[in-house]
Amino acid sequence: YTDGIPLVIPEINGDLCKGNKLIANPNCTTAISLVALYPLFKKYGLKKMIMSTYQAASGAGAPGMNELKDGVTAYSTGDEVENKVFAHPLPFNVIPHIDQFQDNMYTKEEMKVTWETCKIMDLP
C-alpha cells in the first residue's frame, strides 16, 4: 500500500472515501477476513491473529493455469511433471507458501495481510 492513500473496506472505514480523490482496496484475503474480525476487534480487542489462506493456480495467470493443466495431464499419464511457474509441481499438491520470503521469514503475501490489517484498523 501507499502512505497517504486510504486503504478502504466500506464496512469498516468507508468514511475515508470522503474528501479523497484516490482510495485503494486491500488484498482479497484482508478484506474478507476483516469484515468478520473487525466487530470482534472493536468489542474485545485483538492479541494475535493466525490465518490460513489457500490460493488458486489462477492467481499466477494463464501461465500458472497452463502449467497446472499440463501437469495434471503429465501426472495422469505417468510422465514427469515440470514446474517453471511455481516453486514445486502443483498437480495434486499443496505448496506451503506463496511469494518470496522476507527477512522476518514470513512471505510477502503474509506480510501484505499484516500491513494492510494494521493500516485499516489503525494499529501500530
Foldseek 3Di string as FASTA:
>chain_A
DDPPAAADQCVQPVVVVPPDPHHHHADPVLNVVCVVCVVVCVVPNDDDDDDDDADDLCVLPPVSVVLQVVQVVCVVVVHDRDDDSDPDRDHPDGDPADADADPVRHHPVVVSSVVNNCRRSVHD
